């Protein structure tokens, strides 16, 4: 299992467009990818679940990645977040 934390820096947070980009990115991996904000969690591959989290600027989010390609997924998703969020 791989995990990492990330603080959202973009003023609009993770809105529809950003959530769509994230769900498309995470769908590339076989591993299960869970995104948590406060006490709520979502499957990062599912757009509607990401939207329900209502991630805003300044929020700390936590990723948990578990599966056959978890190391690669963790590294690439972390880089994706740093570039886009």
C-alpha atoms as a PDB file:
ATOM      1  CA  UNK A   1       0.000   0.000   0.000  1.00  0.00           C
ATOM      2  CA  UNK A   2       1.246   3.469  -0.934  1.00  0.00           C
ATOM      3  CA  UNK A   3      -0.032   6.743   0.509  1.00  0.00           C
ATOM      4  CA  UNK A   4       0.628  10.446   0.186  1.00  0.00           C
ATOM      5  CA  UNK A   5      -0.869  13.731   1.321  1.00  0.00           C
ATOM      6  CA  UNK A   6      -1.383  16.794  -0.813  1.00  0.00           C
ATOM      7  CA  UNK A   7      -2.537  20.339  -0.084  1.00  0.00           C
ATOM      8  CA  UNK A   8      -4.733  21.775  -2.846  1.00  0.00           C
ATOM      9  CA  UNK A   9      -3.350  25.131  -4.033  1.00  0.00           C
ATOM     10  CA  UNK A  10      -5.584  26.105  -6.948  1.00  0.00           C
ATOM     11  CA  UNK A  11      -8.165  28.783  -6.008  1.00  0.00           C
ATOM     12  CA  UNK A  12     -11.125  26.825  -7.391  1.00  0.00           C
ATOM     13  CA  UNK A  13     -10.187  23.552  -5.683  1.00  0.00           C
ATOM     14  CA  UNK A  14     -11.060  20.292  -7.406  1.00  0.00           C
ATOM     15  CA  UNK A  15     -14.113  21.289  -9.437  1.00  0.00           C
ATOM     16  CA  UNK A  16     -15.706  19.450 -12.379  1.00  0.00           C
ATOM     17  CA  UNK A  17     -12.908  19.884 -14.907  1.00  0.00           C
ATOM     18  CA  UNK A  18     -10.145  19.034 -12.427  1.00  0.00           C
ATOM     19  CA  UNK A  19     -12.122  16.102 -11.019  1.00  0.00           C
ATOM     20  CA  UNK A  20     -12.641  14.757 -14.535  1.00  0.00           C
ATOM     21  CA  UNK A  21      -8.910  15.004 -15.253  1.00  0.00           C
ATOM     22  CA  UNK A  22      -8.117  13.212 -11.980  1.00  0.00           C
ATOM     23  CA  UNK A  23     -10.642  10.428 -12.569  1.00  0.00           C
ATOM     24  CA  UNK A  24      -9.273   9.881 -16.090  1.00  0.00           C
ATOM     25  CA  UNK A  25      -5.703   9.781 -14.766  1.00  0.00           C
ATOM     26  CA  UNK A  26      -6.482   7.313 -11.976  1.00  0.00           C
ATOM     27  CA  UNK A  27      -8.513   5.073 -14.319  1.00  0.00           C
ATOM     28  CA  UNK A  28      -5.235   4.203 -16.084  1.00  0.00           C
ATOM     29  CA  UNK A  29      -4.135   2.034 -13.142  1.00  0.00           C
ATOM     30  CA  UNK A  30      -5.249  -1.376 -11.934  1.00  0.00           C
ATOM     31  CA  UNK A  31      -4.753  -0.411  -8.292  1.00  0.00           C
ATOM     32  CA  UNK A  32      -7.572   0.800  -6.060  1.00  0.00           C
ATOM     33  CA  UNK A  33      -7.140   4.539  -5.467  1.00  0.00           C
ATOM     34  CA  UNK A  34      -8.988   6.181  -2.600  1.00  0.00           C
ATOM     35  CA  UNK A  35      -9.013   9.935  -1.987  1.00  0.00           C
ATOM     36  CA  UNK A  36      -9.888  11.192   1.504  1.00  0.00           C
ATOM     37  CA  UNK A  37     -10.809  14.675   2.727  1.00  0.00           C
ATOM     38  CA  UNK A  38     -11.493  15.074   6.425  1.00  0.00           C
ATOM     39  CA  UNK A  39     -13.665  12.085   7.354  1.00  0.00           C
ATOM     40  CA  UNK A  40     -15.014  11.394   3.844  1.00  0.00           C
ATOM     41  CA  UNK A  41     -13.533   9.208   1.139  1.00  0.00           C
ATOM     42  CA  UNK A  42     -14.099   8.556  -2.550  1.00  0.00           C
ATOM     43  CA  UNK A  43     -12.958   6.195  -5.253  1.00  0.00           C
ATOM     44  CA  UNK A  44     -10.675   8.483  -7.265  1.00  0.00           C
ATOM     45  CA  UNK A  45     -11.714   6.738 -10.482  1.00  0.00           C
ATOM     46  CA  UNK A  46     -15.333   7.877 -10.100  1.00  0.00           C
ATOM     47  CA  UNK A  47     -16.105  11.457 -11.075  1.00  0.00           C
ATOM     48  CA  UNK A  48     -19.294  11.828  -9.040  1.00  0.00           C
ATOM     49  CA  UNK A  49     -17.629  10.535  -5.875  1.00  0.00           C
ATOM     50  CA  UNK A  50     -14.844  13.098  -6.316  1.00  0.00           C
ATOM     51  CA  UNK A  51     -17.375  15.883  -6.770  1.00  0.00           C
ATOM     52  CA  UNK A  52     -19.217  14.937  -3.579  1.00  0.00           C
ATOM     53  CA  UNK A  53     -15.990  15.465  -1.568  1.00  0.00           C
ATOM     54  CA  UNK A  54     -16.112  19.210  -2.421  1.00  0.00           C
ATOM     55  CA  UNK A  55     -12.348  19.713  -2.223  1.00  0.00           C
ATOM     56  CA  UNK A  56     -11.505  23.410  -1.903  1.00  0.00           C
ATOM     57  CA  UNK A  57      -8.347  25.486  -2.019  1.00  0.00           C
ATOM     58  CA  UNK A  58      -6.271  24.880   1.105  1.00  0.00           C
ATOM     59  CA  UNK A  59      -7.803  21.459   1.816  1.00  0.00           C
ATOM     60  CA  UNK A  60      -5.451  18.637   2.737  1.00  0.00           C
ATOM     61  CA  UNK A  61      -6.268  15.464   0.816  1.00  0.00           C
ATOM     62  CA  UNK A  62      -4.918  11.972   1.375  1.00  0.00           C
ATOM     63  CA  UNK A  63      -4.425   9.295  -1.283  1.00  0.00           C
ATOM     64  CA  UNK A  64      -4.290   5.568  -0.537  1.00  0.00           C
ATOM     65  CA  UNK A  65      -3.224   3.342  -3.423  1.00  0.00           C
ATOM     66  CA  UNK A  66      -3.260  -0.431  -3.246  1.00  0.00           C
ATOM     67  CA  UNK A  67      -2.755  -2.961  -6.013  1.00  0.00           C
ATOM     68  CA  UNK A  68      -0.354  -4.420  -8.546  1.00  0.00           C
ATOM     69  CA  UNK A  69       0.886  -1.074  -9.945  1.00  0.00           C
ATOM     70  CA  UNK A  70       0.681   0.962  -6.718  1.00  0.00           C
ATOM     71  CA  UNK A  71       4.251   2.315  -6.760  1.00  0.00           C
ATOM     72  CA  UNK A  72       3.983   3.606 -10.332  1.00  0.00           C
ATOM     73  CA  UNK A  73       0.482   4.964  -9.713  1.00  0.00           C
ATOM     74  CA  UNK A  74       1.548   6.758  -6.532  1.00  0.00           C
ATOM     75  CA  UNK A  75       4.497   8.479  -8.201  1.00  0.00           C
ATOM     76  CA  UNK A  76       2.568   9.521 -11.303  1.00  0.00           C
ATOM     77  CA  UNK A  77      -0.548  10.709  -9.440  1.00  0.00           C
ATOM     78  CA  UNK A  78       1.612  12.720  -7.046  1.00  0.00           C
ATOM     79  CA  UNK A  79       3.297  14.428 -10.018  1.00  0.00           C
ATOM     80  CA  UNK A  80      -0.113  14.990 -11.635  1.00  0.00           C
ATOM     81  CA  UNK A  81      -1.430  16.680  -8.483  1.00  0.00           C
ATOM     82  CA  UNK A  82       1.636  18.918  -8.190  1.00  0.00           C
ATOM     83  CA  UNK A  83       1.149  20.119 -11.782  1.00  0.00           C
ATOM     84  CA  UNK A  84      -2.642  20.528 -11.706  1.00  0.00           C
ATOM     85  CA  UNK A  85      -3.823  21.198  -8.164  1.00  0.00           C
END
